[in-house]
Amino acid sequence: MTRATTFSQLRALTMLFVRNQATRGRIVGLAVLAVTGIIVGALATGSTAIDPTVAGTRFVNLYGLSLLTPVVALVFASGSLGDLVEDRSLVYLWLPPVPRWVIALAAWVASLLVCLPFTVGASVVMAAATGGGTDLMIGTTWASLIGLVGYSGLFTALGLRFRRALVWGFAYLLIWENFIAQAGAGAARLSILSYLRSILSAYTGAGLQLADRELGWSYVIPALVGVCGIIYATRRLDRQDID
């Protein structure tokens, strides 16, 4: 199989997954979530006496990184392969001679494309609306983008592994990322959110809880999580029988 053929398959599958994921209900619901964050950020930080950069950093951390980015990634990425498993149509992707890694990678890339405007785009607008300045906007861009890469890979694998992946994903976000990981530095090292906070804090200089990771590792670790998720999804596709 030539590189041109492989790229053509990757592009075609990516577009297929984009169409499957971008349903009207998902887009409307998550657009409301994104716009709400922008409005609340502008109102809440504008009425406080705290430094705008500090107030904006705290709000982006609370809404953009802790809620918007992981939830949007969960909704879209878990459905990229998970929806096809649920309706038993994934098997039709196996009829042509398509490498399993191409299917997994296409699902991941499609999730990134669909999620970008609802996560990175909305979070940067949110940061601008808080009046926190250029450093906040740059830090928000990198933190939300790296978070999207990690969460999308993780939830793509989750959607393939578990039925009712949304339930499992929300349980992970609520119990691990926003509860157990907050209890101490040891558990936080296994939390994607702590690395995103470190990126944001490094750019703005505003202190955040558990935002003490080295900047270099804060970029690398979430990206590795995303890559590992796609590797797992590939192996799962190789071994799993789907009717």
Protein backbone atom coordinates (compact mmCIF):
# COMPACT_ATOMS: atom_id res chain seq x y z
CA MET A 1 0.00 0.00 0.00
CA THR A 2 1.50 3.33 -1.07
CA ARG A 3 1.75 6.45 1.06
CA ALA A 4 -0.67 8.22 -1.27
CA THR A 5 -3.26 5.47 -0.76
CA THR A 6 -2.81 5.55 3.00
CA PHE A 7 -3.17 9.33 3.10
CA SER A 8 -6.28 9.14 0.91
CA GLN A 9 -7.81 6.61 3.29
CA LEU A 10 -6.91 8.74 6.30
CA ARG A 11 -8.48 11.84 4.74
CA ALA A 12 -11.66 10.01 3.69
CA LEU A 13 -12.12 8.40 7.10
CA THR A 14 -11.45 11.68 8.88
CA MET A 15 -14.20 13.40 6.91
CA LEU A 16 -16.52 10.46 7.61
CA PHE A 17 -15.90 10.70 11.34
CA VAL A 18 -16.35 14.49 11.27
CA ARG A 19 -19.78 14.10 9.67
CA ASN A 20 -20.77 11.41 12.16
CA GLN A 21 -19.64 13.38 15.21
CA ALA A 22 -20.92 16.83 14.26
CA THR A 23 -24.59 16.19 14.92
CA ARG A 24 -26.90 19.15 15.43
CA GLY A 25 -27.69 18.25 19.03
CA ARG A 26 -24.04 18.02 20.06
CA ILE A 27 -23.09 21.24 18.29
CA VAL A 28 -25.94 23.26 19.73
CA GLY A 29 -25.46 21.96 23.26
CA LEU A 30 -21.73 22.53 23.35
CA ALA A 31 -22.02 25.90 21.60
CA VAL A 32 -24.31 27.02 24.41
CA LEU A 33 -21.74 25.80 26.95
CA ALA A 34 -18.97 27.73 25.19
CA VAL A 35 -20.95 30.97 24.80
CA THR A 36 -22.05 30.78 28.43
CA GLY A 37 -18.42 30.67 29.52
CA ILE A 38 -17.57 33.73 27.45
CA ILE A 39 -20.47 35.75 28.86
CA VAL A 40 -19.94 34.66 32.47
CA GLY A 41 -16.20 35.30 32.19
CA ALA A 42 -16.73 38.85 31.00
CA LEU A 43 -19.31 39.61 33.70
CA ALA A 44 -17.67 37.84 36.62
CA THR A 45 -14.12 39.10 36.18
CA GLY A 46 -15.19 42.60 35.22
CA SER A 47 -16.94 43.09 38.56
CA THR A 48 -14.04 42.07 40.79
CA ALA A 49 -11.28 44.18 42.31
CA ILE A 50 -8.68 41.43 41.73
CA ASP A 51 -6.00 41.98 39.10
CA PRO A 52 -7.57 41.16 35.69
CA THR A 53 -4.82 38.69 34.78
CA VAL A 54 -5.19 36.79 38.04
CA ALA A 55 -8.98 36.84 37.87
CA GLY A 56 -8.91 35.78 34.21
CA THR A 57 -6.44 32.95 34.91
CA ARG A 58 -8.62 31.60 37.69
CA PHE A 59 -11.73 31.71 35.52
CA VAL A 60 -10.07 30.08 32.51
CA ASN A 61 -8.77 27.36 34.81
CA LEU A 62 -12.18 26.84 36.40
CA TYR A 63 -14.33 26.95 33.28
CA GLY A 64 -12.10 26.53 30.24
CA LEU A 65 -9.64 23.89 31.41
CA SER A 66 -11.60 22.07 34.11
CA LEU A 67 -14.97 21.98 32.35
CA LEU A 68 -15.15 23.09 28.72
CA THR A 69 -12.11 21.36 27.20
CA PRO A 70 -12.55 17.91 28.82
CA VAL A 71 -16.33 17.82 28.40
CA VAL A 72 -16.24 18.80 24.72
CA ALA A 73 -13.47 16.27 24.07
CA LEU A 74 -15.44 13.58 25.90
CA VAL A 75 -18.67 14.19 24.00
CA PHE A 76 -17.07 14.16 20.55
CA ALA A 77 -14.07 11.83 20.93
CA SER A 78 -15.88 9.07 22.82
CA GLY A 79 -18.44 8.97 20.01
CA SER A 80 -15.94 8.87 17.15
CA LEU A 81 -15.57 5.09 17.36
CA GLY A 82 -18.01 4.47 20.18
CA ASP A 83 -21.06 5.45 18.14
CA LEU A 84 -20.06 2.97 15.43
CA VAL A 85 -19.64 0.24 18.03
CA GLU A 86 -23.05 0.99 19.51
CA ASP A 87 -24.87 0.76 16.18
CA ARG A 88 -22.64 -2.12 14.98
CA SER A 89 -21.50 -0.30 11.87
CA LEU A 90 -17.76 -0.22 12.68
CA VAL A 91 -17.36 -3.57 10.94
CA TYR A 92 -18.07 -1.89 7.59
CA LEU A 93 -14.85 0.10 7.91
CA TRP A 94 -12.98 -3.20 7.97
CA LEU A 95 -14.25 -4.40 4.60
CA PRO A 96 -11.75 -2.35 2.57
CA PRO A 97 -8.07 -3.12 3.30
CA VAL A 98 -7.62 -0.22 5.73
CA PRO A 99 -4.90 -0.50 8.41
CA ARG A 100 -6.35 -0.35 11.91
CA TRP A 101 -3.99 2.47 12.89
CA VAL A 102 -5.45 4.60 10.08
CA ILE A 103 -8.96 4.13 11.51
CA ALA A 104 -7.82 5.06 15.03
CA LEU A 105 -5.79 8.05 13.84
CA ALA A 106 -8.64 9.31 11.65
CA ALA A 107 -11.04 9.17 14.61
CA TRP A 108 -8.58 11.18 16.71
CA VAL A 109 -7.90 13.78 14.03
CA ALA A 110 -11.64 14.18 13.39
CA SER A 111 -12.22 14.77 17.10
CA LEU A 112 -9.53 17.46 17.14
CA LEU A 113 -11.01 19.22 14.11
CA VAL A 114 -14.55 19.20 15.48
CA CYS A 115 -13.55 20.20 19.02
CA LEU A 116 -11.13 23.04 18.17
CA PRO A 117 -13.70 25.85 17.84
CA PHE A 118 -15.55 24.78 21.00
CA THR A 119 -12.41 24.45 23.13
CA VAL A 120 -9.40 26.43 21.95
CA GLY A 121 -11.43 29.01 20.04
CA ALA A 122 -14.00 29.56 22.78
CA SER A 123 -11.39 29.54 25.56
CA VAL A 124 -9.26 32.20 23.86
CA VAL A 125 -12.33 34.41 23.36
CA MET A 126 -13.20 33.76 27.00
CA ALA A 127 -9.70 34.81 28.07
CA ALA A 128 -9.96 37.97 25.98
CA ALA A 129 -13.38 38.75 27.47
CA THR A 130 -11.94 38.69 30.99
CA GLY A 131 -9.51 41.49 30.10
CA GLY A 132 -6.56 39.45 31.36
CA GLY A 133 -4.20 40.50 28.59
CA THR A 134 -2.09 38.89 25.89
CA ASP A 135 -0.19 36.50 28.17
CA LEU A 136 -3.45 35.02 29.38
CA MET A 137 -4.65 34.52 25.82
CA ILE A 138 -1.39 32.82 24.78
CA GLY A 139 -1.34 30.61 27.86
CA THR A 140 -4.98 29.71 27.32
CA THR A 141 -4.30 28.80 23.69
CA TRP A 142 -1.50 26.39 24.54
CA ALA A 143 -3.14 24.89 27.62
CA SER A 144 -6.47 24.21 25.92
CA LEU A 145 -4.79 22.89 22.74
CA ILE A 146 -2.52 20.48 24.62
CA GLY A 147 -5.47 19.45 26.78
CA LEU A 148 -7.56 18.75 23.69
CA VAL A 149 -4.81 16.54 22.24
CA GLY A 150 -4.58 14.50 25.44
CA TYR A 151 -8.26 14.21 26.27
CA SER A 152 -9.26 13.41 22.67
CA GLY A 153 -6.85 10.49 22.47
CA LEU A 154 -7.88 9.21 25.87
CA PHE A 155 -11.61 9.42 25.17
CA THR A 156 -11.29 7.96 21.68
CA ALA A 157 -9.87 4.84 23.31
CA LEU A 158 -12.51 4.99 26.05
CA GLY A 159 -15.34 5.07 23.52
CA LEU A 160 -13.96 1.97 21.83
CA ARG A 161 -13.35 0.10 25.08
CA PHE A 162 -16.57 0.78 27.01
CA ARG A 163 -20.21 0.98 26.16
CA ARG A 164 -21.85 4.06 27.73
CA ALA A 165 -18.47 5.78 27.44
CA LEU A 166 -19.98 9.14 28.41
CA VAL A 167 -20.83 7.78 31.84
CA TRP A 168 -17.33 6.38 32.32
CA GLY A 169 -15.80 9.60 31.03
CA PHE A 170 -17.78 11.86 33.32
CA ALA A 171 -16.93 9.57 36.24
CA TYR A 172 -13.23 9.93 35.40
CA LEU A 173 -13.46 13.71 35.15
CA LEU A 174 -15.46 14.16 38.33
CA ILE A 175 -13.85 11.53 40.56
CA TRP A 176 -10.24 11.53 39.41
CA GLU A 177 -9.47 14.86 37.75
CA ASN A 178 -11.54 17.06 40.07
CA PHE A 179 -11.45 15.13 43.34
CA ILE A 180 -8.75 12.52 43.89
CA ALA A 181 -6.07 14.40 41.92
CA GLN A 182 -6.71 17.51 44.03
CA ALA A 183 -5.78 15.63 47.21
CA GLY A 184 -2.04 15.61 46.69
CA ALA A 185 0.92 15.98 44.37
CA GLY A 186 1.33 12.23 43.83
CA ALA A 187 -2.13 11.71 42.39
CA ALA A 188 -1.94 14.98 40.48
CA ARG A 189 0.96 13.64 38.42
CA LEU A 190 -1.55 11.31 36.79
CA SER A 191 -3.96 14.16 36.11
CA ILE A 192 -3.96 15.86 32.71
CA LEU A 193 -5.51 18.95 34.30
CA SER A 194 -2.51 19.62 36.54
CA TYR A 195 -0.25 19.92 33.49
CA LEU A 196 -2.67 22.27 31.75
CA ARG A 197 -2.81 24.44 34.84
CA SER A 198 0.98 24.55 34.90
CA ILE A 199 1.09 25.81 31.31
CA LEU A 200 -1.48 28.50 32.02
CA SER A 201 0.20 29.58 35.24
CA ALA A 202 3.63 29.73 33.59
CA TYR A 203 2.40 32.27 31.04
CA THR A 204 0.39 34.48 33.39
CA GLY A 205 2.38 34.21 36.59
CA ALA A 206 -0.84 33.63 38.56
CA GLY A 207 -0.67 30.81 41.07
CA LEU A 208 -3.04 27.86 40.73
CA GLN A 209 -3.45 24.75 42.85
CA LEU A 210 -1.08 21.93 41.79
CA ALA A 211 0.24 24.05 38.90
CA ASP A 212 3.84 23.19 39.75
CA ARG A 213 4.87 20.95 36.85
CA GLU A 214 7.88 21.79 34.69
CA LEU A 215 6.75 23.60 31.56
CA GLY A 216 8.42 21.16 29.17
CA TRP A 217 6.79 18.12 30.76
CA SER A 218 3.47 19.96 30.84
CA TYR A 219 3.48 19.93 27.06
CA VAL A 220 4.83 16.39 26.69
CA ILE A 221 2.77 14.37 29.17
CA PRO A 222 -0.76 15.23 27.90
CA ALA A 223 0.43 14.72 24.31
CA LEU A 224 1.81 11.30 25.27
CA VAL A 225 -1.54 10.42 26.85
CA GLY A 226 -3.22 11.21 23.54
CA VAL A 227 -0.72 9.12 21.57
CA CYS A 228 -1.06 6.21 23.99
CA GLY A 229 -4.83 6.39 23.61
CA ILE A 230 -4.52 5.99 19.84
CA ILE A 231 -2.03 3.14 20.21
CA TYR A 232 -4.44 1.38 22.55
CA ALA A 233 -7.36 1.98 20.16
CA THR A 234 -5.30 0.50 17.31
CA ARG A 235 -4.51 -2.64 19.30
CA ARG A 236 -8.12 -2.89 20.36
CA LEU A 237 -9.28 -2.71 16.75
CA ASP A 238 -6.77 -5.43 15.84
CA ARG A 239 -7.99 -7.79 18.52
CA GLN A 240 -11.65 -6.98 19.05
CA ASP A 241 -14.39 -8.76 17.14
CA ILE A 242 -17.26 -6.36 16.42
CA ASP A 243 -20.44 -7.71 14.88
